[in-house]
Amino acid sequence: MGVLQMQRVKMDKFVIKKTLSKNKRTLVDESPGCSDAGGPTETLAEKKCRTENADSWLEQTCTWKRIRAENLSCDYTSLFNKAEANEILQRLEKDVVYFTGDLTKVQVYGKWHSIPRKQVTYGDEGLSYTFSGITLSPKPWIPVLTVIRERVQLATGHSYNFVLINRYKDGNDHIGDHRDDEKELVPQSPIASVSFGACRDFIFRHRDSRSINSVRRIEPVKLALEHGSLLMMNFPTNVYWYHSLPVRRKVLAPRVNLTFRKIKPQKPEMT
């Protein structure tokens, strides 16, 4: 049995397969003022047509896998075919401009460390995102990111105004245990994680079972995130589970991961 087959077997322990005919993700209007959600003047007939078109597209292209464990709720699908994913990866490698200088460092237990990967944020104007001692303001959307965001929104029914991009040059680049639970996130909004490039292990660990001395023994959930795939991390996953992308020295190719988020707009300062 090959490595990829073994990864899929481990992932399938937590998979509950479902059919779209009974459990479709329908397109919902989360942002009445946004053009991608139809806008405030959209008629009921127009909204019905848009929703039916989205459902038809979902039925034809997306087969979702439900990944479940205690307080863990994720959905996984292939969002782009191989040819699309290859083209998008090339555009990402060409067009995305990553942060430099102080924005390449994070604070851990009071000490600053260079992150073992490249990182950047893009999104709507006026947003900011703070984690690990740094506050990131997004660059304006670029065409390739708009293409990916529109596909994510069409497939899931959720709108997003911000994306964090991490580039891993090979299996030595990684990210440690963390939860995406920052205060700027819209409460209970799902995070959409899209992957391009090398297939990498993605590991969830329950907050009550992360150390040798933990009283509880909850088995980690290990996924293999493939080229062109989408992983939806639904509420309450990030309340109870940490996730990481560990070192895999045998992986020689790069991987680019985009996590789309819904950020609360900043309130204007009082004058």
Protein backbone atom coordinates (compact mmCIF):
# COMPACT_ATOMS: atom_id res chain seq x y z
CA MET A 1 0.00 0.00 0.00
CA GLY A 2 1.40 3.41 -1.03
CA VAL A 3 1.85 6.41 1.27
CA LEU A 4 -1.12 8.28 -0.19
CA GLN A 5 -3.35 5.22 0.17
CA MET A 6 -2.32 4.87 3.83
CA GLN A 7 -3.14 8.54 4.42
CA ARG A 8 -6.58 8.08 2.90
CA VAL A 9 -7.26 5.01 5.08
CA LYS A 10 -6.43 7.04 8.21
CA MET A 11 -8.64 9.90 7.04
CA ASP A 12 -11.53 7.54 6.19
CA LYS A 13 -11.77 6.45 9.86
CA PHE A 14 -13.41 9.78 10.56
CA VAL A 15 -15.32 10.19 7.28
CA ILE A 16 -19.09 10.00 7.01
CA LYS A 17 -19.91 10.03 3.31
CA LYS A 18 -23.02 11.92 2.24
CA THR A 19 -24.91 12.59 -0.95
CA LEU A 20 -25.73 16.08 -2.12
CA SER A 21 -29.34 15.17 -2.89
CA LYS A 22 -30.10 15.12 0.85
CA ASN A 23 -27.41 17.33 2.34
CA LYS A 24 -26.53 20.04 -0.15
CA ARG A 25 -24.76 23.21 0.90
CA THR A 26 -27.18 25.81 -0.44
CA LEU A 27 -26.17 29.32 -1.35
CA VAL A 28 -27.25 31.67 1.44
CA ASP A 29 -27.31 35.45 1.40
CA GLU A 30 -25.01 36.37 4.30
CA SER A 31 -24.05 39.88 3.18
CA PRO A 32 -27.06 41.78 1.76
CA GLY A 33 -24.88 44.72 0.74
CA CYS A 34 -22.29 42.71 -1.23
CA SER A 35 -22.49 42.35 -5.01
CA ASP A 36 -21.47 38.67 -4.87
CA ALA A 37 -24.47 37.92 -2.66
CA GLY A 38 -26.94 39.51 -5.06
CA GLY A 39 -27.18 42.97 -3.50
CA PRO A 40 -30.01 44.64 -1.56
CA THR A 41 -32.15 45.18 -4.68
CA GLU A 42 -32.14 41.53 -5.79
CA THR A 43 -35.66 40.21 -6.43
CA LEU A 44 -36.92 36.91 -5.03
CA ALA A 45 -37.03 35.46 -8.56
CA GLU A 46 -33.41 36.46 -9.17
CA LYS A 47 -32.34 35.02 -5.82
CA LYS A 48 -34.19 31.75 -6.54
CA CYS A 49 -32.51 31.49 -9.96
CA ARG A 50 -29.07 32.15 -8.47
CA THR A 51 -29.59 29.55 -5.74
CA GLU A 52 -30.85 26.93 -8.20
CA ASN A 53 -27.84 27.54 -10.46
CA ALA A 54 -25.50 27.09 -7.51
CA ASP A 55 -27.24 23.86 -6.47
CA SER A 56 -26.98 22.52 -10.03
CA TRP A 57 -23.27 23.34 -10.12
CA LEU A 58 -22.75 21.63 -6.76
CA GLU A 59 -24.55 18.47 -7.86
CA GLN A 60 -22.41 18.22 -10.98
CA THR A 61 -18.99 18.91 -9.49
CA CYS A 62 -18.72 18.49 -5.69
CA THR A 63 -18.79 15.28 -3.68
CA TRP A 64 -18.46 16.16 0.00
CA LYS A 65 -16.99 14.01 2.75
CA ARG A 66 -18.11 14.74 6.30
CA ILE A 67 -15.30 14.38 8.86
CA ARG A 68 -16.62 14.02 12.40
CA ALA A 69 -15.21 13.42 15.87
CA GLU A 70 -16.05 14.78 19.32
CA ASN A 71 -16.87 18.49 18.74
CA LEU A 72 -15.09 18.32 15.36
CA SER A 73 -17.09 19.14 12.25
CA CYS A 74 -15.32 19.40 8.88
CA ASP A 75 -16.36 18.93 5.26
CA TYR A 76 -13.89 18.03 2.50
CA THR A 77 -14.14 18.08 -1.28
CA SER A 78 -12.12 18.45 -4.46
CA LEU A 79 -12.86 22.06 -5.46
CA PHE A 80 -10.70 22.30 -8.61
CA ASN A 81 -9.79 19.60 -11.12
CA LYS A 82 -6.11 18.90 -11.79
CA ALA A 83 -5.79 21.20 -14.80
CA GLU A 84 -7.49 24.09 -12.98
CA ALA A 85 -5.41 23.54 -9.85
CA ASN A 86 -2.17 23.46 -11.86
CA GLU A 87 -3.01 26.75 -13.57
CA ILE A 88 -4.04 28.44 -10.33
CA LEU A 89 -0.87 27.31 -8.55
CA GLN A 90 1.23 28.83 -11.33
CA ARG A 91 -0.65 32.12 -11.00
CA LEU A 92 -0.30 32.11 -7.21
CA GLU A 93 3.44 31.54 -7.50
CA LYS A 94 3.69 34.44 -9.94
CA ASP A 95 1.25 36.99 -8.52
CA VAL A 96 1.18 36.66 -4.72
CA VAL A 97 3.60 39.00 -2.91
CA TYR A 98 4.46 37.77 0.58
CA PHE A 99 5.26 39.81 3.68
CA THR A 100 8.86 40.67 4.55
CA GLY A 101 10.69 42.13 7.54
CA ASP A 102 8.97 42.20 10.94
CA LEU A 103 5.79 40.71 9.49
CA THR A 104 7.63 37.41 9.00
CA LYS A 105 7.99 36.92 12.78
CA VAL A 106 5.60 35.74 15.50
CA GLN A 107 5.71 35.96 19.28
CA VAL A 108 5.73 32.68 21.21
CA TYR A 109 5.95 32.74 25.02
CA GLY A 110 7.32 36.27 24.91
CA LYS A 111 10.06 35.56 22.35
CA TRP A 112 10.08 36.48 18.66
CA HIS A 113 10.70 33.78 16.06
CA SER A 114 10.89 33.80 12.27
CA ILE A 115 8.03 31.76 10.84
CA PRO A 116 9.05 28.57 8.96
CA ARG A 117 7.05 29.48 5.84
CA LYS A 118 6.02 32.52 3.78
CA GLN A 119 2.88 34.40 4.74
CA VAL A 120 0.61 37.22 3.53
CA THR A 121 -2.98 38.44 3.88
CA TYR A 122 -5.36 39.83 1.27
CA GLY A 123 -8.86 41.15 1.78
CA ASP A 124 -11.35 43.99 1.91
CA GLU A 125 -10.18 47.47 2.81
CA GLY A 126 -10.21 48.46 6.48
CA LEU A 127 -9.85 44.98 8.00
CA SER A 128 -7.10 43.74 10.31
CA TYR A 129 -6.22 40.42 11.91
CA THR A 130 -4.10 39.91 15.05
CA PHE A 131 -2.44 36.69 16.15
CA SER A 132 0.85 35.63 17.77
CA GLY A 133 1.73 39.21 18.66
CA ILE A 134 1.38 40.70 15.16
CA THR A 135 -1.42 42.65 13.48
CA LEU A 136 -1.83 42.09 9.76
CA SER A 137 -3.61 44.43 7.35
CA PRO A 138 -4.64 42.84 4.05
CA LYS A 139 -3.38 43.74 0.61
CA PRO A 140 -6.12 44.42 -2.00
CA TRP A 141 -7.65 41.43 -3.76
CA ILE A 142 -5.89 40.27 -6.95
CA PRO A 143 -7.60 38.39 -9.83
CA VAL A 144 -6.39 34.87 -9.00
CA LEU A 145 -7.61 35.21 -5.40
CA THR A 146 -10.97 36.53 -6.60
CA VAL A 147 -11.35 33.43 -8.79
CA ILE A 148 -10.67 31.11 -5.85
CA ARG A 149 -12.90 33.08 -3.47
CA GLU A 150 -15.83 33.03 -5.90
CA ARG A 151 -15.52 29.25 -6.33
CA VAL A 152 -15.42 28.77 -2.55
CA GLN A 153 -18.46 30.99 -2.06
CA LEU A 154 -20.38 29.21 -4.81
CA ALA A 155 -19.57 25.77 -3.42
CA THR A 156 -20.29 26.58 0.23
CA GLY A 157 -22.83 29.38 0.33
CA HIS A 158 -20.62 31.42 2.67
CA SER A 159 -19.10 34.79 1.81
CA TYR A 160 -15.54 35.76 2.82
CA ASN A 161 -13.77 39.11 3.08
CA PHE A 162 -10.25 38.04 4.09
CA VAL A 163 -7.69 35.36 3.25
CA LEU A 164 -4.47 34.28 4.97
CA ILE A 165 -1.99 32.65 2.56
CA ASN A 166 0.83 30.38 3.73
CA ARG A 167 3.47 29.06 1.33
CA TYR A 168 5.51 26.01 2.32
CA LYS A 169 8.55 25.65 0.06
CA ASP A 170 8.90 21.93 0.91
CA GLY A 171 8.29 19.48 3.75
CA ASN A 172 10.64 21.33 6.10
CA ASP A 173 8.32 24.35 6.20
CA HIS A 174 5.52 23.81 8.68
CA ILE A 175 3.09 25.31 11.20
CA GLY A 176 2.64 24.14 14.79
CA ASP A 177 -0.47 23.47 16.86
CA HIS A 178 -2.87 26.43 16.90
CA ARG A 179 -6.55 27.30 16.76
CA ASP A 180 -8.13 29.84 14.43
CA ASP A 181 -10.21 31.49 17.15
CA GLU A 182 -9.14 35.15 17.06
CA LYS A 183 -11.55 37.81 18.28
CA GLU A 184 -11.78 39.46 14.84
CA LEU A 185 -13.56 36.44 13.33
CA VAL A 186 -17.33 36.56 12.95
CA PRO A 187 -18.62 34.19 15.68
CA GLN A 188 -19.33 30.63 14.50
CA SER A 189 -18.34 31.42 10.91
CA PRO A 190 -16.65 28.48 9.12
CA ILE A 191 -13.10 28.77 7.82
CA ALA A 192 -12.48 27.58 4.25
CA SER A 193 -9.01 26.09 3.68
CA VAL A 194 -7.98 25.63 0.03
CA SER A 195 -4.75 23.78 -0.83
CA PHE A 196 -2.58 23.77 -3.95
CA GLY A 197 0.64 21.87 -4.62
CA ALA A 198 2.15 19.04 -2.58
CA CYS A 199 -0.21 16.84 -0.60
CA ARG A 200 0.55 17.38 3.10
CA ASP A 201 -0.61 15.83 6.37
CA PHE A 202 -2.98 18.02 8.40
CA ILE A 203 -3.46 16.96 12.00
CA PHE A 204 -6.17 17.88 14.51
CA ARG A 205 -5.55 17.38 18.26
CA HIS A 206 -8.25 17.86 20.88
CA ARG A 207 -7.44 20.52 23.48
CA ASP A 208 -7.95 18.01 26.32
CA SER A 209 -5.60 15.43 24.86
CA ARG A 210 -2.50 17.23 23.55
CA SER A 211 0.17 16.20 26.06
CA ILE A 212 1.54 13.00 27.59
CA ASN A 213 0.03 13.95 30.94
CA SER A 214 -3.46 14.63 29.58
CA VAL A 215 -6.22 12.91 31.56
CA ARG A 216 -8.28 12.24 28.43
CA ARG A 217 -7.19 10.15 25.46
CA ILE A 218 -8.84 11.43 22.30
CA GLU A 219 -7.37 10.13 19.07
CA PRO A 220 -5.91 12.78 16.72
CA VAL A 221 -7.60 13.24 13.35
CA LYS A 222 -5.13 13.06 10.46
CA LEU A 223 -6.11 14.27 6.99
CA ALA A 224 -4.26 14.35 3.67
CA LEU A 225 -5.03 17.69 1.98
CA GLU A 226 -4.67 17.23 -1.76
CA HIS A 227 -3.96 19.56 -4.68
CA GLY A 228 -7.10 21.62 -5.45
CA SER A 229 -8.98 20.54 -2.33
CA LEU A 230 -11.24 22.46 0.05
CA LEU A 231 -11.55 21.73 3.78
CA MET A 232 -14.37 23.50 5.65
CA MET A 233 -13.68 23.86 9.38
CA ASN A 234 -17.12 24.39 10.86
CA PHE A 235 -18.12 25.55 14.34
CA PRO A 236 -17.24 24.39 17.00
CA THR A 237 -14.07 22.74 15.61
CA ASN A 238 -11.73 25.64 16.43
CA VAL A 239 -13.07 25.88 19.97
CA TYR A 240 -11.99 22.35 20.91
CA TRP A 241 -9.37 21.26 18.38
CA TYR A 242 -5.86 22.51 17.56
CA HIS A 243 -4.49 21.85 14.07
CA SER A 244 -1.01 21.73 12.55
CA LEU A 245 0.94 20.98 9.40
CA PRO A 246 3.97 19.02 10.68
CA VAL A 247 7.40 18.60 9.09
CA ARG A 248 7.53 15.96 6.35
CA ARG A 249 11.12 15.84 5.08
CA LYS A 250 10.33 13.53 2.18
CA VAL A 251 8.07 16.18 0.62
CA LEU A 252 10.17 18.16 -1.87
CA ALA A 253 7.52 20.22 -3.70
CA PRO A 254 5.93 23.49 -2.53
CA ARG A 255 2.42 23.88 -1.16
CA VAL A 256 0.28 27.02 -1.03
CA ASN A 257 -2.64 27.12 1.40
CA LEU A 258 -5.35 29.78 1.54
CA THR A 259 -7.66 30.07 4.55
CA PHE A 260 -10.64 32.25 3.78
CA ARG A 261 -12.21 33.94 6.79
CA LYS A 262 -15.11 36.24 7.67
CA ILE A 263 -13.66 39.18 9.63
CA LYS A 264 -15.76 41.69 11.56
CA PRO A 265 -15.40 45.21 10.13
CA GLN A 266 -13.63 47.61 12.48
CA LYS A 267 -15.82 50.14 14.24
CA PRO A 268 -14.94 53.75 13.35
CA GLU A 269 -13.07 55.60 16.09
CA MET A 270 -14.97 58.17 18.13
CA THR A 271 -14.00 61.77 17.37
